[in-house]
Amino acid sequence: MIQEIYTDGISEVTVTGSIVRVNLMSLSPSERDPNGKPVLVLRQRLILPADAFANAIDLMQQVKNSLI
């Protein structure tokens, strides 16, 4: 079985040398902001080499273009 991870978005991308870290966020089921809306919380961090990140961006761009 393949493990799947859901994310509501990306909060931050950090580059340190040749390593890229991508913070994956999702809405909290319990934490709320002062207006009562769910807040985004860090769920997972994707860590990959810069060349793999660049390849992933190229692939995502192709998917984006096909959706348009």
PDB file of N, CA and C in Angstrom:
ATOM      1  N   MET A   1       0.833  -1.175   0.000  1.00  0.00           N
ATOM      2  CA  MET A   1       0.000   0.000   0.000  1.00  0.00           C
ATOM      3  C   MET A   1       0.884   1.247   0.000  1.00  0.00           C
ATOM      4  N   ILE A   2       0.495   2.226  -0.774  1.00  0.00           N
ATOM      5  CA  ILE A   2       1.234   3.482  -0.853  1.00  0.00           C
ATOM      6  C   ILE A   2       0.650   4.463   0.142  1.00  0.00           C
ATOM      7  N   GLN A   3       1.517   5.075   0.938  1.00  0.00           N
ATOM      8  CA  GLN A   3       1.060   6.089   1.889  1.00  0.00           C
ATOM      9  C   GLN A   3       0.804   7.393   1.152  1.00  0.00           C
ATOM     10  N   GLU A   4      -0.355   7.999   1.391  1.00  0.00           N
ATOM     11  CA  GLU A   4      -0.699   9.263   0.766  1.00  0.00           C
ATOM     12  C   GLU A   4      -0.737  10.362   1.811  1.00  0.00           C
ATOM     13  N   ILE A   5      -0.315  11.560   1.407  1.00  0.00           N
ATOM     14  CA  ILE A   5      -0.315  12.712   2.293  1.00  0.00           C
ATOM     15  C   ILE A   5      -1.114  13.820   1.626  1.00  0.00           C
ATOM     16  N   TYR A   6      -2.083  14.370   2.362  1.00  0.00           N
ATOM     17  CA  TYR A   6      -2.871  15.487   1.855  1.00  0.00           C
ATOM     18  C   TYR A   6      -2.295  16.781   2.414  1.00  0.00           C
ATOM     19  N   THR A   7      -2.267  17.840   1.597  1.00  0.00           N
ATOM     20  CA  THR A   7      -1.851  19.152   2.065  1.00  0.00           C
ATOM     21  C   THR A   7      -2.792  20.209   1.513  1.00  0.00           C
ATOM     22  N   ASP A   8      -3.092  21.206   2.348  1.00  0.00           N
ATOM     23  CA  ASP A   8      -3.891  22.345   1.891  1.00  0.00           C
ATOM     24  C   ASP A   8      -3.012  23.396   1.223  1.00  0.00           C
ATOM     25  N   GLY A   9      -1.704  23.248   1.358  1.00  0.00           N
ATOM     26  CA  GLY A   9      -0.818  24.209   0.727  1.00  0.00           C
ATOM     27  C   GLY A   9       0.610  24.118   1.234  1.00  0.00           C
ATOM     28  N   ILE A  10       1.414  25.003   0.713  1.00  0.00           N
ATOM     29  CA  ILE A  10       2.830  25.104   1.076  1.00  0.00           C
ATOM     30  C   ILE A  10       3.026  26.446   1.773  1.00  0.00           C
ATOM     31  N   SER A  11       3.668  26.416   2.929  1.00  0.00           N
ATOM     32  CA  SER A  11       3.866  27.664   3.666  1.00  0.00           C
ATOM     33  C   SER A  11       5.234  28.273   3.431  1.00  0.00           C
ATOM     34  N   GLU A  12       6.217  27.431   3.169  1.00  0.00           N
ATOM     35  CA  GLU A  12       7.578  27.951   3.057  1.00  0.00           C
ATOM     36  C   GLU A  12       8.446  26.975   2.274  1.00  0.00           C
ATOM     37  N   VAL A  13       9.358  27.531   1.498  1.00  0.00           N
ATOM     38  CA  VAL A  13      10.375  26.739   0.802  1.00  0.00           C
ATOM     39  C   VAL A  13      11.717  27.327   1.200  1.00  0.00           C
ATOM     40  N   THR A  14      12.587  26.493   1.754  1.00  0.00           N
ATOM     41  CA  THR A  14      13.895  26.936   2.223  1.00  0.00           C
ATOM     42  C   THR A  14      14.981  26.181   1.477  1.00  0.00           C
ATOM     43  N   VAL A  15      15.978  26.911   1.004  1.00  0.00           N
ATOM     44  CA  VAL A  15      17.113  26.296   0.320  1.00  0.00           C
ATOM     45  C   VAL A  15      18.348  26.467   1.196  1.00  0.00           C
ATOM     46  N   THR A  16      18.991  25.352   1.504  1.00  0.00           N
ATOM     47  CA  THR A  16      20.238  25.355   2.268  1.00  0.00           C
ATOM     48  C   THR A  16      21.247  24.547   1.478  1.00  0.00           C
ATOM     49  N   GLY A  17      22.177  25.247   0.842  1.00  0.00           N
ATOM     50  CA  GLY A  17      23.135  24.556  -0.013  1.00  0.00           C
ATOM     51  C   GLY A  17      22.405  23.904  -1.172  1.00  0.00           C
ATOM     52  N   SER A  18      22.533  22.598  -1.289  1.00  0.00           N
ATOM     53  CA  SER A  18      21.884  21.880  -2.390  1.00  0.00           C
ATOM     54  C   SER A  18      20.627  21.133  -1.938  1.00  0.00           C
ATOM     55  N   ILE A  19      20.112  21.483  -0.744  1.00  0.00           N
ATOM     56  CA  ILE A  19      18.929  20.817  -0.199  1.00  0.00           C
ATOM     57  C   ILE A  19      17.770  21.813  -0.140  1.00  0.00           C
ATOM     58  N   VAL A  20      16.591  21.356  -0.593  1.00  0.00           N
ATOM     59  CA  VAL A  20      15.382  22.181  -0.565  1.00  0.00           C
ATOM     60  C   VAL A  20      14.405  21.551   0.420  1.00  0.00           C
ATOM     61  N   ARG A  21      13.869  22.382   1.313  1.00  0.00           N
ATOM     62  CA  ARG A  21      12.873  21.934   2.280  1.00  0.00           C
ATOM     63  C   ARG A  21      11.563  22.655   1.988  1.00  0.00           C
ATOM     64  N   VAL A  22      10.484  21.876   1.851  1.00  0.00           N
ATOM     65  CA  VAL A  22       9.168  22.416   1.533  1.00  0.00           C
ATOM     66  C   VAL A  22       8.230  22.063   2.681  1.00  0.00           C
ATOM     67  N   ASN A  23       7.692  23.078   3.360  1.00  0.00           N
ATOM     68  CA  ASN A  23       6.755  22.853   4.464  1.00  0.00           C
ATOM     69  C   ASN A  23       5.340  22.687   3.924  1.00  0.00           C
ATOM     70  N   LEU A  24       4.726  21.541   4.230  1.00  0.00           N
ATOM     71  CA  LEU A  24       3.363  21.236   3.798  1.00  0.00           C
ATOM     72  C   LEU A  24       2.412  21.533   4.954  1.00  0.00           C
ATOM     73  N   MET A  25       1.384  22.329   4.682  1.00  0.00           N
ATOM     74  CA  MET A  25       0.463  22.778   5.711  1.00  0.00           C
ATOM     75  C   MET A  25      -0.932  22.206   5.465  1.00  0.00           C
ATOM     76  N   SER A  26      -1.702  22.111   6.539  1.00  0.00           N
ATOM     77  CA  SER A  26      -3.122  21.774   6.397  1.00  0.00           C
ATOM     78  C   SER A  26      -3.904  22.486   7.495  1.00  0.00           C
ATOM     79  N   LEU A  27      -5.196  22.605   7.281  1.00  0.00           N
ATOM     80  CA  LEU A  27      -6.050  23.278   8.257  1.00  0.00           C
ATOM     81  C   LEU A  27      -6.192  22.405   9.496  1.00  0.00           C
ATOM     82  N   SER A  28      -6.035  23.034  10.647  1.00  0.00           N
ATOM     83  CA  SER A  28      -6.139  22.315  11.913  1.00  0.00           C
ATOM     84  C   SER A  28      -7.594  21.965  12.213  1.00  0.00           C
ATOM     85  N   PRO A  29      -7.836  20.736  12.675  1.00  0.00           N
ATOM     86  CA  PRO A  29      -9.203  20.384  13.051  1.00  0.00           C
ATOM     87  C   PRO A  29      -9.615  20.991  14.393  1.00  0.00           C
ATOM     88  N   SER A  30      -8.637  21.482  15.177  1.00  0.00           N
ATOM     89  CA  SER A  30      -8.965  21.974  16.518  1.00  0.00           C
ATOM     90  C   SER A  30      -8.517  23.414  16.787  1.00  0.00           C
ATOM     91  N   GLU A  31      -7.434  23.869  16.166  1.00  0.00           N
ATOM     92  CA  GLU A  31      -6.937  25.219  16.425  1.00  0.00           C
ATOM     93  C   GLU A  31      -7.683  26.237  15.572  1.00  0.00           C
ATOM     94  N   ARG A  32      -8.071  27.344  16.187  1.00  0.00           N
ATOM     95  CA  ARG A  32      -8.820  28.398  15.498  1.00  0.00           C
ATOM     96  C   ARG A  32      -8.143  29.746  15.696  1.00  0.00           C
ATOM     97  N   ASP A  33      -8.317  30.640  14.715  1.00  0.00           N
ATOM     98  CA  ASP A  33      -7.833  32.004  14.845  1.00  0.00           C
ATOM     99  C   ASP A  33      -8.871  32.808  15.634  1.00  0.00           C
ATOM    100  N   PRO A  34      -8.603  34.083  15.927  1.00  0.00           N
ATOM    101  CA  PRO A  34      -9.563  34.886  16.695  1.00  0.00           C
ATOM    102  C   PRO A  34     -10.945  35.014  16.036  1.00  0.00           C
ATOM    103  N   ASN A  35     -11.012  34.799  14.721  1.00  0.00           N
ATOM    104  CA  ASN A  35     -12.293  34.871  14.011  1.00  0.00           C
ATOM    105  C   ASN A  35     -13.003  33.521  13.949  1.00  0.00           C
ATOM    106  N   GLY A  36     -12.411  32.502  14.566  1.00  0.00           N
ATOM    107  CA  GLY A  36     -13.031  31.187  14.594  1.00  0.00           C
ATOM    108  C   GLY A  36     -12.723  30.302  13.402  1.00  0.00           C
ATOM    109  N   LYS A  37     -11.838  30.762  12.516  1.00  0.00           N
ATOM    110  CA  LYS A  37     -11.486  29.961  11.341  1.00  0.00           C
ATOM    111  C   LYS A  37     -10.300  29.055  11.668  1.00  0.00           C
ATOM    112  N   PRO A  38     -10.261  27.862  11.072  1.00  0.00           N
ATOM    113  CA  PRO A  38      -9.121  26.957  11.318  1.00  0.00           C
ATOM    114  C   PRO A  38      -7.804  27.603  10.868  1.00  0.00           C
ATOM    115  N   VAL A  39      -6.747  27.365  11.623  1.00  0.00           N
ATOM    116  CA  VAL A  39      -5.430  27.892  11.266  1.00  0.00           C
ATOM    117  C   VAL A  39      -4.635  26.822  10.526  1.00  0.00           C
ATOM    118  N   LEU A  40      -3.697  27.276   9.698  1.00  0.00           N
ATOM    119  CA  LEU A  40      -2.803  26.347   9.014  1.00  0.00           C
ATOM    120  C   LEU A  40      -1.713  25.886   9.975  1.00  0.00           C
ATOM    121  N   VAL A  41      -1.447  24.595   9.979  1.00  0.00           N
ATOM    122  CA  VAL A  41      -0.391  24.043  10.822  1.00  0.00           C
ATOM    123  C   VAL A  41       0.518  23.162   9.971  1.00  0.00           C
ATOM    124  N   LEU A  42       1.780  23.105  10.353  1.00  0.00           N
ATOM    125  CA  LEU A  42       2.757  22.271   9.658  1.00  0.00           C
ATOM    126  C   LEU A  42       2.402  20.804   9.875  1.00  0.00           C
ATOM    127  N   ARG A  43       2.294  20.051   8.773  1.00  0.00           N
ATOM    128  CA  ARG A  43       1.968  18.628   8.858  1.00  0.00           C
ATOM    129  C   ARG A  43       3.139  17.737   8.459  1.00  0.00           C
ATOM    130  N   GLN A  44       3.833  18.136   7.411  1.00  0.00           N
ATOM    131  CA  GLN A  44       4.948  17.340   6.894  1.00  0.00           C
ATOM    132  C   GLN A  44       5.970  18.291   6.296  1.00  0.00           C
ATOM    133  N   ARG A  45       7.186  17.812   6.162  1.00  0.00           N
ATOM    134  CA  ARG A  45       8.231  18.565   5.469  1.00  0.00           C
ATOM    135  C   ARG A  45       8.801  17.651   4.394  1.00  0.00           C
ATOM    136  N   LEU A  46       8.801  18.170   3.178  1.00  0.00           N
ATOM    137  CA  LEU A  46       9.374  17.458   2.041  1.00  0.00           C
ATOM    138  C   LEU A  46      10.806  17.964   1.873  1.00  0.00           C
ATOM    139  N   ILE A  47      11.776  17.066   1.918  1.00  0.00           N
ATOM    140  CA  ILE A  47      13.191  17.435   1.807  1.00  0.00           C
ATOM    141  C   ILE A  47      13.769  16.694   0.615  1.00  0.00           C
ATOM    142  N   LEU A  48      14.352  17.452  -0.331  1.00  0.00           N
ATOM    143  CA  LEU A  48      14.898  16.824  -1.526  1.00  0.00           C
ATOM    144  C   LEU A  48      16.061  17.628  -2.088  1.00  0.00           C
ATOM    145  N   PRO A  49      16.905  16.977  -2.889  1.00  0.00           N
ATOM    146  CA  PRO A  49      18.017  17.676  -3.521  1.00  0.00           C
ATOM    147  C   PRO A  49      17.493  18.738  -4.495  1.00  0.00           C
ATOM    148  N   ALA A  50      18.278  19.779  -4.707  1.00  0.00           N
ATOM    149  CA  ALA A  50      17.866  20.892  -5.563  1.00  0.00           C
ATOM    150  C   ALA A  50      17.508  20.428  -6.976  1.00  0.00           C
ATOM    151  N   ASP A  51      18.254  19.478  -7.533  1.00  0.00           N
ATOM    152  CA  ASP A  51      17.947  19.024  -8.896  1.00  0.00           C
ATOM    153  C   ASP A  51      16.614  18.284  -8.946  1.00  0.00           C
ATOM    154  N   ALA A  52      16.299  17.518  -7.904  1.00  0.00           N
ATOM    155  CA  ALA A  52      15.001  16.837  -7.850  1.00  0.00           C
ATOM    156  C   ALA A  52      13.870  17.851  -7.694  1.00  0.00           C
ATOM    157  N   PHE A  53      14.109  18.909  -6.922  1.00  0.00           N
ATOM    158  CA  PHE A  53      13.117  19.969  -6.766  1.00  0.00           C
ATOM    159  C   PHE A  53      12.869  20.656  -8.107  1.00  0.00           C
ATOM    160  N   ALA A  54      13.943  20.957  -8.835  1.00  0.00           N
ATOM    161  CA  ALA A  54      13.810  21.595 -10.147  1.00  0.00           C
ATOM    162  C   ALA A  54      13.028  20.699 -11.105  1.00  0.00           C
ATOM    163  N   ASN A  55      13.291  19.395 -11.091  1.00  0.00           N
ATOM    164  CA  ASN A  55      12.544  18.454 -11.930  1.00  0.00           C
ATOM    165  C   ASN A  55      11.066  18.422 -11.540  1.00  0.00           C
ATOM    166  N   ALA A  56      10.795  18.474 -10.233  1.00  0.00           N
ATOM    167  CA  ALA A  56       9.411  18.475  -9.759  1.00  0.00           C
ATOM    168  C   ALA A  56       8.686  19.733 -10.224  1.00  0.00           C
ATOM    169  N   ILE A  57       9.357  20.871 -10.188  1.00  0.00           N
ATOM    170  CA  ILE A  57       8.753  22.124 -10.650  1.00  0.00           C
ATOM    171  C   ILE A  57       8.433  22.030 -12.138  1.00  0.00           C
ATOM    172  N   ASP A  58       9.351  21.467 -12.926  1.00  0.00           N
ATOM    173  CA  ASP A  58       9.096  21.293 -14.363  1.00  0.00           C
ATOM    174  C   ASP A  58       7.861  20.418 -14.593  1.00  0.00           C
ATOM    175  N   LEU A  59       7.762  19.325 -13.850  1.00  0.00           N
ATOM    176  CA  LEU A  59       6.622  18.421 -13.983  1.00  0.00           C
ATOM    177  C   LEU A  59       5.322  19.121 -13.590  1.00  0.00           C
ATOM    178  N   MET A  60       5.339  19.874 -12.489  1.00  0.00           N
ATOM    179  CA  MET A  60       4.153  20.597 -12.046  1.00  0.00           C
ATOM    180  C   MET A  60       3.738  21.655 -13.062  1.00  0.00           C
ATOM    181  N   GLN A  61       4.712  22.291 -13.711  1.00  0.00           N
ATOM    182  CA  GLN A  61       4.413  23.280 -14.748  1.00  0.00           C
ATOM    183  C   GLN A  61       3.707  22.615 -15.928  1.00  0.00           C
ATOM    184  N   GLN A  62       4.163  21.411 -16.296  1.00  0.00           N
ATOM    185  CA  GLN A  62       3.507  20.673 -17.377  1.00  0.00           C
ATOM    186  C   GLN A  62       2.063  20.341 -17.015  1.00  0.00           C
ATOM    187  N   VAL A  63       1.830  19.915 -15.777  1.00  0.00           N
ATOM    188  CA  VAL A  63       0.481  19.611 -15.338  1.00  0.00           C
ATOM    189  C   VAL A  63      -0.376  20.878 -15.333  1.00  0.00           C
ATOM    190  N   LYS A  64       0.187  21.972 -14.835  1.00  0.00           N
ATOM    191  CA  LYS A  64      -0.535  23.253 -14.818  1.00  0.00           C
ATOM    192  C   LYS A  64      -0.946  23.644 -16.239  1.00  0.00           C
ATOM    193  N   ASN A  65      -0.022  23.521 -17.175  1.00  0.00           N
ATOM    194  CA  ASN A  65      -0.321  23.876 -18.571  1.00  0.00           C
ATOM    195  C   ASN A  65      -1.422  22.993 -19.146  1.00  0.00           C
ATOM    196  N   SER A  66      -1.437  21.714 -18.781  1.00  0.00           N
ATOM    197  CA  SER A  66      -2.475  20.820 -19.303  1.00  0.00           C
ATOM    198  C   SER A  66      -3.833  21.149 -18.685  1.00  0.00           C
ATOM    199  N   LEU A  67      -3.852  21.683 -17.461  1.00  0.00           N
ATOM    200  CA  LEU A  67      -5.111  22.074 -16.835  1.00  0.00           C
ATOM    201  C   LEU A  67      -5.681  23.341 -17.449  1.00  0.00           C
ATOM    202  N   ILE A  68      -4.785  24.203 -17.912  1.00  0.00           N
ATOM    203  CA  ILE A  68      -5.221  25.468 -18.535  1.00  0.00           C
ATOM    204  C   ILE A  68      -5.744  25.173 -19.909  1.00  0.00           C
TER     205      ILE A  68
END
